[in-house]
């Protein structure tokens, strides 16, 4: 099985947003470097799992990576990309 087409971009955790109500999760606001200014911020639940299966949280200022991956069936060839002649 082939790997999904993907791109990875560097990002920084800008701030941690406390929930308005105890039943809601804490959120991390992440600025994606290289994204359009209007769309560079993501907010995700601030809950990750480490290599030991333990729950961890992001800290403000943390350098992270954001990866976008798609099923190959949901992508199309980039006709604008230059290819080497055969």
PDB file of N, CA and C in Angstrom:
ATOM      1  N   UNK A   1       0.851  -1.178   0.000  1.00  0.00           N
ATOM      2  CA  UNK A   1       0.000   0.000   0.000  1.00  0.00           C
ATOM      3  C   UNK A   1       0.895   1.239   0.000  1.00  0.00           C
ATOM      4  N   UNK A   2       0.578   2.210  -0.830  1.00  0.00           N
ATOM      5  CA  UNK A   2       1.403   3.408  -0.931  1.00  0.00           C
ATOM      6  C   UNK A   2       1.065   4.408   0.170  1.00  0.00           C
ATOM      7  N   UNK A   3       2.036   5.265   0.440  1.00  0.00           N
ATOM      8  CA  UNK A   3       1.862   6.307   1.447  1.00  0.00           C
ATOM      9  C   UNK A   3       0.950   7.403   0.905  1.00  0.00           C
ATOM     10  N   UNK A   4       0.216   8.040   1.794  1.00  0.00           N
ATOM     11  CA  UNK A   4      -0.665   9.125   1.376  1.00  0.00           C
ATOM     12  C   UNK A   4       0.147  10.344   0.966  1.00  0.00           C
ATOM     13  N   UNK A   5      -0.278  11.053  -0.095  1.00  0.00           N
ATOM     14  CA  UNK A   5       0.367  12.330  -0.428  1.00  0.00           C
ATOM     15  C   UNK A   5       0.191  13.282   0.756  1.00  0.00           C
ATOM     16  N   UNK A   6       1.262  14.016   1.075  1.00  0.00           N
ATOM     17  CA  UNK A   6       1.173  14.894   2.247  1.00  0.00           C
ATOM     18  C   UNK A   6       2.133  16.064   2.129  1.00  0.00           C
ATOM     19  N   UNK A   7       1.911  17.030   2.989  1.00  0.00           N
ATOM     20  CA  UNK A   7       2.831  18.148   3.167  1.00  0.00           C
ATOM     21  C   UNK A   7       2.884  18.451   4.663  1.00  0.00           C
ATOM     22  N   UNK A   8       4.051  18.869   5.130  1.00  0.00           N
ATOM     23  CA  UNK A   8       4.240  19.199   6.540  1.00  0.00           C
ATOM     24  C   UNK A   8       4.780  20.620   6.626  1.00  0.00           C
ATOM     25  N   UNK A   9       4.178  21.409   7.515  1.00  0.00           N
ATOM     26  CA  UNK A   9       4.571  22.806   7.668  1.00  0.00           C
ATOM     27  C   UNK A   9       4.919  23.074   9.134  1.00  0.00           C
ATOM     28  N   UNK A  10       5.947  23.898   9.367  1.00  0.00           N
ATOM     29  CA  UNK A  10       6.274  24.250  10.752  1.00  0.00           C
ATOM     30  C   UNK A  10       5.206  25.173  11.331  1.00  0.00           C
ATOM     31  N   UNK A  11       5.043  25.099  12.643  1.00  0.00           N
ATOM     32  CA  UNK A  11       4.042  25.913  13.321  1.00  0.00           C
ATOM     33  C   UNK A  11       4.492  26.160  14.765  1.00  0.00           C
ATOM     34  N   UNK A  12       3.841  27.121  15.407  1.00  0.00           N
ATOM     35  CA  UNK A  12       4.147  27.466  16.797  1.00  0.00           C
ATOM     36  C   UNK A  12       2.856  27.576  17.590  1.00  0.00           C
ATOM     37  N   UNK A  13       2.860  27.028  18.801  1.00  0.00           N
ATOM     38  CA  UNK A  13       1.714  27.178  19.692  1.00  0.00           C
ATOM     39  C   UNK A  13       1.726  28.611  20.195  1.00  0.00           C
ATOM     40  N   UNK A  14       0.715  29.395  19.815  1.00  0.00           N
ATOM     41  CA  UNK A  14       0.639  30.799  20.228  1.00  0.00           C
ATOM     42  C   UNK A  14       0.130  30.957  21.649  1.00  0.00           C
ATOM     43  N   UNK A  15      -0.944  30.243  21.959  1.00  0.00           N
ATOM     44  CA  UNK A  15      -1.498  30.355  23.304  1.00  0.00           C
ATOM     45  C   UNK A  15      -2.376  29.158  23.613  1.00  0.00           C
ATOM     46  N   UNK A  16      -2.633  28.978  24.895  1.00  0.00           N
ATOM     47  CA  UNK A  16      -3.528  27.934  25.378  1.00  0.00           C
ATOM     48  C   UNK A  16      -4.809  28.625  25.826  1.00  0.00           C
ATOM     49  N   UNK A  17      -5.933  28.126  25.351  1.00  0.00           N
ATOM     50  CA  UNK A  17      -7.231  28.739  25.640  1.00  0.00           C
ATOM     51  C   UNK A  17      -7.971  27.869  26.656  1.00  0.00           C
ATOM     52  N   UNK A  18      -8.201  28.453  27.811  1.00  0.00           N
ATOM     53  CA  UNK A  18      -8.929  27.737  28.864  1.00  0.00           C
ATOM     54  C   UNK A  18     -10.400  27.634  28.465  1.00  0.00           C
ATOM     55  N   UNK A  19     -11.057  26.542  28.830  1.00  0.00           N
ATOM     56  CA  UNK A  19     -12.469  26.372  28.473  1.00  0.00           C
ATOM     57  C   UNK A  19     -13.371  27.333  29.237  1.00  0.00           C
ATOM     58  N   UNK A  20     -14.457  27.734  28.576  1.00  0.00           N
ATOM     59  CA  UNK A  20     -15.445  28.603  29.222  1.00  0.00           C
ATOM     60  C   UNK A  20     -16.231  27.836  30.280  1.00  0.00           C
ATOM     61  N   UNK A  21     -16.387  26.542  30.048  1.00  0.00           N
ATOM     62  CA  UNK A  21     -17.127  25.677  30.967  1.00  0.00           C
ATOM     63  C   UNK A  21     -16.270  24.446  31.266  1.00  0.00           C
ATOM     64  N   UNK A  22     -16.323  23.922  32.480  1.00  0.00           N
ATOM     65  CA  UNK A  22     -15.495  22.761  32.848  1.00  0.00           C
ATOM     66  C   UNK A  22     -15.707  21.538  31.957  1.00  0.00           C
ATOM     67  N   UNK A  23     -16.863  21.414  31.343  1.00  0.00           N
ATOM     68  CA  UNK A  23     -17.150  20.252  30.490  1.00  0.00           C
ATOM     69  C   UNK A  23     -16.482  20.356  29.114  1.00  0.00           C
ATOM     70  N   UNK A  24     -15.965  21.538  28.771  1.00  0.00           N
ATOM     71  CA  UNK A  24     -15.303  21.730  27.481  1.00  0.00           C
ATOM     72  C   UNK A  24     -13.802  21.501  27.623  1.00  0.00           C
ATOM     73  N   UNK A  25     -13.146  21.053  26.535  1.00  0.00           N
ATOM     74  CA  UNK A  25     -11.699  20.817  26.611  1.00  0.00           C
ATOM     75  C   UNK A  25     -10.887  22.099  26.441  1.00  0.00           C
ATOM     76  N   UNK A  26      -9.686  22.095  27.006  1.00  0.00           N
ATOM     77  CA  UNK A  26      -8.723  23.173  26.772  1.00  0.00           C
ATOM     78  C   UNK A  26      -8.291  23.097  25.311  1.00  0.00           C
ATOM     79  N   UNK A  27      -7.993  24.254  24.687  1.00  0.00           N
ATOM     80  CA  UNK A  27      -7.608  24.278  23.283  1.00  0.00           C
ATOM     81  C   UNK A  27      -6.257  24.952  23.125  1.00  0.00           C
ATOM     82  N   UNK A  28      -5.520  24.537  22.099  1.00  0.00           N
ATOM     83  CA  UNK A  28      -4.246  25.155  21.765  1.00  0.00           C
ATOM     84  C   UNK A  28      -4.429  25.913  20.456  1.00  0.00           C
ATOM     85  N   UNK A  29      -4.014  27.181  20.434  1.00  0.00           N
ATOM     86  CA  UNK A  29      -4.048  27.974  19.204  1.00  0.00           C
ATOM     87  C   UNK A  29      -2.670  27.879  18.565  1.00  0.00           C
ATOM     88  N   UNK A  30      -2.643  27.407  17.315  1.00  0.00           N
ATOM     89  CA  UNK A  30      -1.394  27.132  16.610  1.00  0.00           C
ATOM     90  C   UNK A  30      -1.308  27.998  15.371  1.00  0.00           C
ATOM     91  N   UNK A  31      -0.174  28.685  15.205  1.00  0.00           N
ATOM     92  CA  UNK A  31       0.077  29.511  14.021  1.00  0.00           C
ATOM     93  C   UNK A  31       0.921  28.691  13.048  1.00  0.00           C
ATOM     94  N   UNK A  32       0.390  28.466  11.835  1.00  0.00           N
ATOM     95  CA  UNK A  32       1.084  27.679  10.819  1.00  0.00           C
ATOM     96  C   UNK A  32       1.932  28.621   9.967  1.00  0.00           C
ATOM     97  N   UNK A  33       3.248  28.421   9.986  1.00  0.00           N
ATOM     98  CA  UNK A  33       4.166  29.255   9.212  1.00  0.00           C
ATOM     99  C   UNK A  33       4.010  28.917   7.729  1.00  0.00           C
ATOM    100  N   UNK A  34       3.918  29.937   6.898  1.00  0.00           N
ATOM    101  CA  UNK A  34       3.780  29.719   5.464  1.00  0.00           C
ATOM    102  C   UNK A  34       2.346  29.707   4.987  1.00  0.00           C
ATOM    103  N   UNK A  35       1.381  29.690   5.897  1.00  0.00           N
ATOM    104  CA  UNK A  35      -0.024  29.745   5.513  1.00  0.00           C
ATOM    105  C   UNK A  35      -0.424  31.199   5.287  1.00  0.00           C
ATOM    106  N   UNK A  36      -1.471  31.434   4.507  1.00  0.00           N
ATOM    107  CA  UNK A  36      -1.980  32.789   4.313  1.00  0.00           C
ATOM    108  C   UNK A  36      -2.334  33.395   5.674  1.00  0.00           C
ATOM    109  N   UNK A  37      -2.053  34.664   5.837  1.00  0.00           N
ATOM    110  CA  UNK A  37      -2.237  35.348   7.122  1.00  0.00           C
ATOM    111  C   UNK A  37      -3.642  35.134   7.700  1.00  0.00           C
ATOM    112  N   UNK A  38      -4.644  35.252   6.878  1.00  0.00           N
ATOM    113  CA  UNK A  38      -6.021  35.139   7.357  1.00  0.00           C
ATOM    114  C   UNK A  38      -6.361  33.724   7.833  1.00  0.00           C
ATOM    115  N   UNK A  39      -5.610  32.721   7.353  1.00  0.00           N
ATOM    116  CA  UNK A  39      -5.952  31.319   7.634  1.00  0.00           C
ATOM    117  C   UNK A  39      -4.860  30.570   8.394  1.00  0.00           C
ATOM    118  N   UNK A  40      -3.931  31.271   8.991  1.00  0.00           N
ATOM    119  CA  UNK A  40      -2.792  30.593   9.586  1.00  0.00           C
ATOM    120  C   UNK A  40      -3.038  30.024  10.971  1.00  0.00           C
ATOM    121  N   UNK A  41      -4.111  30.399  11.627  1.00  0.00           N
ATOM    122  CA  UNK A  41      -4.349  29.930  12.984  1.00  0.00           C
ATOM    123  C   UNK A  41      -5.301  28.735  13.016  1.00  0.00           C
ATOM    124  N   UNK A  42      -4.879  27.721  13.761  1.00  0.00           N
ATOM    125  CA  UNK A  42      -5.701  26.540  14.014  1.00  0.00           C
ATOM    126  C   UNK A  42      -5.958  26.462  15.505  1.00  0.00           C
ATOM    127  N   UNK A  43      -7.104  25.958  15.863  1.00  0.00           N
ATOM    128  CA  UNK A  43      -7.380  25.696  17.274  1.00  0.00           C
ATOM    129  C   UNK A  43      -7.767  24.234  17.391  1.00  0.00           C
ATOM    130  N   UNK A  44      -7.015  23.531  18.220  1.00  0.00           N
ATOM    131  CA  UNK A  44      -7.265  22.103  18.407  1.00  0.00           C
ATOM    132  C   UNK A  44      -7.387  21.806  19.891  1.00  0.00           C
ATOM    133  N   UNK A  45      -7.998  20.673  20.204  1.00  0.00           N
ATOM    134  CA  UNK A  45      -8.051  20.235  21.592  1.00  0.00           C
ATOM    135  C   UNK A  45      -6.616  19.995  22.047  1.00  0.00           C
ATOM    136  N   UNK A  46      -6.280  20.488  23.212  1.00  0.00           N
ATOM    137  CA  UNK A  46      -4.913  20.391  23.713  1.00  0.00           C
ATOM    138  C   UNK A  46      -4.717  19.069  24.446  1.00  0.00           C
ATOM    139  N   UNK A  47      -4.744  17.991  23.693  1.00  0.00           N
ATOM    140  CA  UNK A  47      -4.568  16.661  24.252  1.00  0.00           C
ATOM    141  C   UNK A  47      -3.827  15.800  23.232  1.00  0.00           C
ATOM    142  N   UNK A  48      -2.622  15.393  23.583  1.00  0.00           N
ATOM    143  CA  UNK A  48      -1.809  14.535  22.732  1.00  0.00           C
ATOM    144  C   UNK A  48      -1.446  13.282  23.518  1.00  0.00           C
ATOM    145  N   UNK A  49      -0.922  12.289  22.820  1.00  0.00           N
ATOM    146  CA  UNK A  49      -0.475  11.063  23.456  1.00  0.00           C
ATOM    147  C   UNK A  49       0.999  10.869  23.137  1.00  0.00           C
ATOM    148  N   UNK A  50       1.830  10.633  24.163  1.00  0.00           N
ATOM    149  CA  UNK A  50       3.264  10.450  23.917  1.00  0.00           C
ATOM    150  C   UNK A  50       3.568   9.005  23.518  1.00  0.00           C
ATOM    151  N   UNK A  51       4.867   8.709  23.335  1.00  0.00           N
ATOM    152  CA  UNK A  51       5.279   7.380  22.865  1.00  0.00           C
ATOM    153  C   UNK A  51       4.973   6.273  23.866  1.00  0.00           C
ATOM    154  N   UNK A  52       4.699   6.637  25.127  1.00  0.00           N
ATOM    155  CA  UNK A  52       4.355   5.652  26.160  1.00  0.00           C
ATOM    156  C   UNK A  52       2.845   5.519  26.350  1.00  0.00           C
ATOM    157  N   UNK A  53       2.068   6.226  25.524  1.00  0.00           N
ATOM    158  CA  UNK A  53       0.617   6.164  25.638  1.00  0.00           C
ATOM    159  C   UNK A  53       0.052   7.079  26.705  1.00  0.00           C
ATOM    160  N   UNK A  54       0.883   7.946  27.271  1.00  0.00           N
ATOM    161  CA  UNK A  54       0.414   8.874  28.304  1.00  0.00           C
ATOM    162  C   UNK A  54      -0.088  10.162  27.687  1.00  0.00           C
ATOM    163  N   UNK A  55      -1.096  10.762  28.312  1.00  0.00           N
ATOM    164  CA  UNK A  55      -1.653  12.030  27.839  1.00  0.00           C
ATOM    165  C   UNK A  55      -0.698  13.159  28.190  1.00  0.00           C
ATOM    166  N   UNK A  56      -0.463  14.049  27.209  1.00  0.00           N
ATOM    167  CA  UNK A  56       0.368  15.232  27.414  1.00  0.00           C
ATOM    168  C   UNK A  56      -0.328  16.428  26.792  1.00  0.00           C
ATOM    169  N   UNK A  57       0.156  17.643  27.142  1.00  0.00           N
ATOM    170  CA  UNK A  57      -0.426  18.872  26.605  1.00  0.00           C
ATOM    171  C   UNK A  57       0.676  19.725  25.994  1.00  0.00           C
ATOM    172  N   UNK A  58       0.296  20.540  25.032  1.00  0.00           N
ATOM    173  CA  UNK A  58       1.224  21.487  24.430  1.00  0.00           C
ATOM    174  C   UNK A  58       1.396  22.695  25.348  1.00  0.00           C
ATOM    175  N   UNK A  59       2.568  23.333  25.254  1.00  0.00           N
ATOM    176  CA  UNK A  59       2.856  24.551  26.016  1.00  0.00           C
ATOM    177  C   UNK A  59       2.925  25.727  25.043  1.00  0.00           C
ATOM    178  N   UNK A  60       2.601  26.939  25.513  1.00  0.00           N
ATOM    179  CA  UNK A  60       2.761  28.119  24.659  1.00  0.00           C
ATOM    180  C   UNK A  60       4.212  28.243  24.191  1.00  0.00           C
ATOM    181  N   UNK A  61       4.402  28.585  22.928  1.00  0.00           N
ATOM    182  CA  UNK A  61       5.731  28.740  22.371  1.00  0.00           C
ATOM    183  C   UNK A  61       6.314  27.461  21.798  1.00  0.00           C
ATOM    184  N   UNK A  62       5.645  26.334  21.987  1.00  0.00           N
ATOM    185  CA  UNK A  62       6.165  25.063  21.483  1.00  0.00           C
ATOM    186  C   UNK A  62       6.225  25.082  19.953  1.00  0.00           C
ATOM    187  N   UNK A  63       7.330  24.575  19.410  1.00  0.00           N
ATOM    188  CA  UNK A  63       7.478  24.435  17.969  1.00  0.00           C
ATOM    189  C   UNK A  63       6.892  23.078  17.596  1.00  0.00           C
ATOM    190  N   UNK A  64       5.936  23.066  16.676  1.00  0.00           N
ATOM    191  CA  UNK A  64       5.252  21.845  16.261  1.00  0.00           C
ATOM    192  C   UNK A  64       5.243  21.757  14.737  1.00  0.00           C
ATOM    193  N   UNK A  65       4.781  20.646  14.214  1.00  0.00           N
ATOM    194  CA  UNK A  65       4.596  20.470  12.778  1.00  0.00           C
ATOM    195  C   UNK A  65       3.141  20.136  12.517  1.00  0.00           C
ATOM    196  N   UNK A  66       2.600  20.701  11.442  1.00  0.00           N
ATOM    197  CA  UNK A  66       1.239  20.402  11.020  1.00  0.00           C
ATOM    198  C   UNK A  66       1.347  19.646   9.707  1.00  0.00           C
ATOM    199  N   UNK A  67       0.791  18.444   9.660  1.00  0.00           N
ATOM    200  CA  UNK A  67       0.843  17.621   8.462  1.00  0.00           C
ATOM    201  C   UNK A  67      -0.553  17.461   7.884  1.00  0.00           C
ATOM    202  N   UNK A  68      -0.659  17.688   6.581  1.00  0.00           N
ATOM    203  CA  UNK A  68      -1.903  17.474   5.849  1.00  0.00           C
ATOM    204  C   UNK A  68      -1.670  16.267   4.956  1.00  0.00           C
ATOM    205  N   UNK A  69      -2.500  15.248   5.085  1.00  0.00           N
ATOM    206  CA  UNK A  69      -2.377  14.042   4.268  1.00  0.00           C
ATOM    207  C   UNK A  69      -3.727  13.741   3.631  1.00  0.00           C
ATOM    208  N   UNK A  70      -3.691  13.204   2.416  1.00  0.00           N
ATOM    209  CA  UNK A  70      -4.929  12.896   1.695  1.00  0.00           C
ATOM    210  C   UNK A  70      -4.842  11.502   1.100  1.00  0.00           C
ATOM    211  N   UNK A  71      -5.977  10.881   0.964  1.00  0.00           N
ATOM    212  CA  UNK A  71      -6.047   9.600   0.271  1.00  0.00           C
ATOM    213  C   UNK A  71      -5.660   9.834  -1.187  1.00  0.00           C
ATOM    214  N   UNK A  72      -4.850   8.976  -1.783  1.00  0.00           N
ATOM    215  CA  UNK A  72      -4.457   9.173  -3.181  1.00  0.00           C
ATOM    216  C   UNK A  72      -5.640   9.347  -4.128  1.00  0.00           C
ATOM    217  N   UNK A  73      -6.763   8.717  -3.829  1.00  0.00           N
ATOM    218  CA  UNK A  73      -7.955   8.841  -4.687  1.00  0.00           C
ATOM    219  C   UNK A  73      -8.548  10.243  -4.633  1.00  0.00           C
ATOM    220  N   UNK A  74      -8.182  11.021  -3.617  1.00  0.00           N
ATOM    221  CA  UNK A  74      -8.724  12.369  -3.458  1.00  0.00           C
ATOM    222  C   UNK A  74      -7.755  13.447  -3.922  1.00  0.00           C
ATOM    223  N   UNK A  75      -6.743  13.067  -4.696  1.00  0.00           N
ATOM    224  CA  UNK A  75      -5.782  14.027  -5.220  1.00  0.00           C
ATOM    225  C   UNK A  75      -5.737  13.945  -6.747  1.00  0.00           C
ATOM    226  N   UNK A  76      -5.180  14.976  -7.369  1.00  0.00           N
ATOM    227  CA  UNK A  76      -5.027  15.020  -8.820  1.00  0.00           C
ATOM    228  C   UNK A  76      -3.611  15.459  -9.145  1.00  0.00           C
ATOM    229  N   UNK A  77      -3.099  15.058 -10.303  1.00  0.00           N
ATOM    230  CA  UNK A  77      -1.768  15.453 -10.734  1.00  0.00           C
ATOM    231  C   UNK A  77      -1.732  16.967 -10.884  1.00  0.00           C
ATOM    232  N   UNK A  78      -0.597  17.554 -10.489  1.00  0.00           N
ATOM    233  CA  UNK A  78      -0.392  18.995 -10.631  1.00  0.00           C
ATOM    234  C   UNK A  78       0.155  19.251 -12.029  1.00  0.00           C
ATOM    235  N   UNK A  79      -0.687  19.717 -12.925  1.00  0.00           N
ATOM    236  CA  UNK A  79      -0.300  19.943 -14.312  1.00  0.00           C
ATOM    237  C   UNK A  79       0.652  21.115 -14.467  1.00  0.00           C
ATOM    238  N   UNK A  80       0.741  21.975 -13.455  1.00  0.00           N
ATOM    239  CA  UNK A  80       1.642  23.124 -13.537  1.00  0.00           C
ATOM    240  C   UNK A  80       3.069  22.749 -13.129  1.00  0.00           C
ATOM    241  N   UNK A  81       3.245  21.593 -12.500  1.00  0.00           N
ATOM    242  CA  UNK A  81       4.576  21.170 -12.061  1.00  0.00           C
ATOM    243  C   UNK A  81       5.401  20.729 -13.267  1.00  0.00           C
ATOM    244  N   UNK A  82       6.657  21.141 -13.286  1.00  0.00           N
ATOM    245  CA  UNK A  82       7.571  20.769 -14.375  1.00  0.00           C
ATOM    246  C   UNK A  82       8.048  19.339 -14.151  1.00  0.00           C
ATOM    247  N   UNK A  83       8.045  18.546 -15.214  1.00  0.00           N
ATOM    248  CA  UNK A  83       8.574  17.191 -15.136  1.00  0.00           C
ATOM    249  C   UNK A  83       9.752  17.068 -16.089  1.00  0.00           C
ATOM    250  N   UNK A  84      10.681  16.232 -15.736  1.00  0.00           N
ATOM    251  CA  UNK A  84      11.871  16.038 -16.562  1.00  0.00           C
ATOM    252  C   UNK A  84      11.487  15.264 -17.833  1.00  0.00           C
ATOM    253  N   UNK A  85      12.061  15.641 -18.990  1.00  0.00           N
ATOM    254  CA  UNK A  85      11.755  14.907 -20.216  1.00  0.00           C
ATOM    255  C   UNK A  85      12.317  13.497 -20.163  1.00  0.00           C
ATOM    256  N   UNK A  86      11.672  12.579 -20.852  1.00  0.00           N
ATOM    257  CA  UNK A  86      12.096  11.167 -20.843  1.00  0.00           C
ATOM    258  C   UNK A  86      13.226  10.942 -21.782  1.00  0.00           C
TER     259      UNK A  86
END
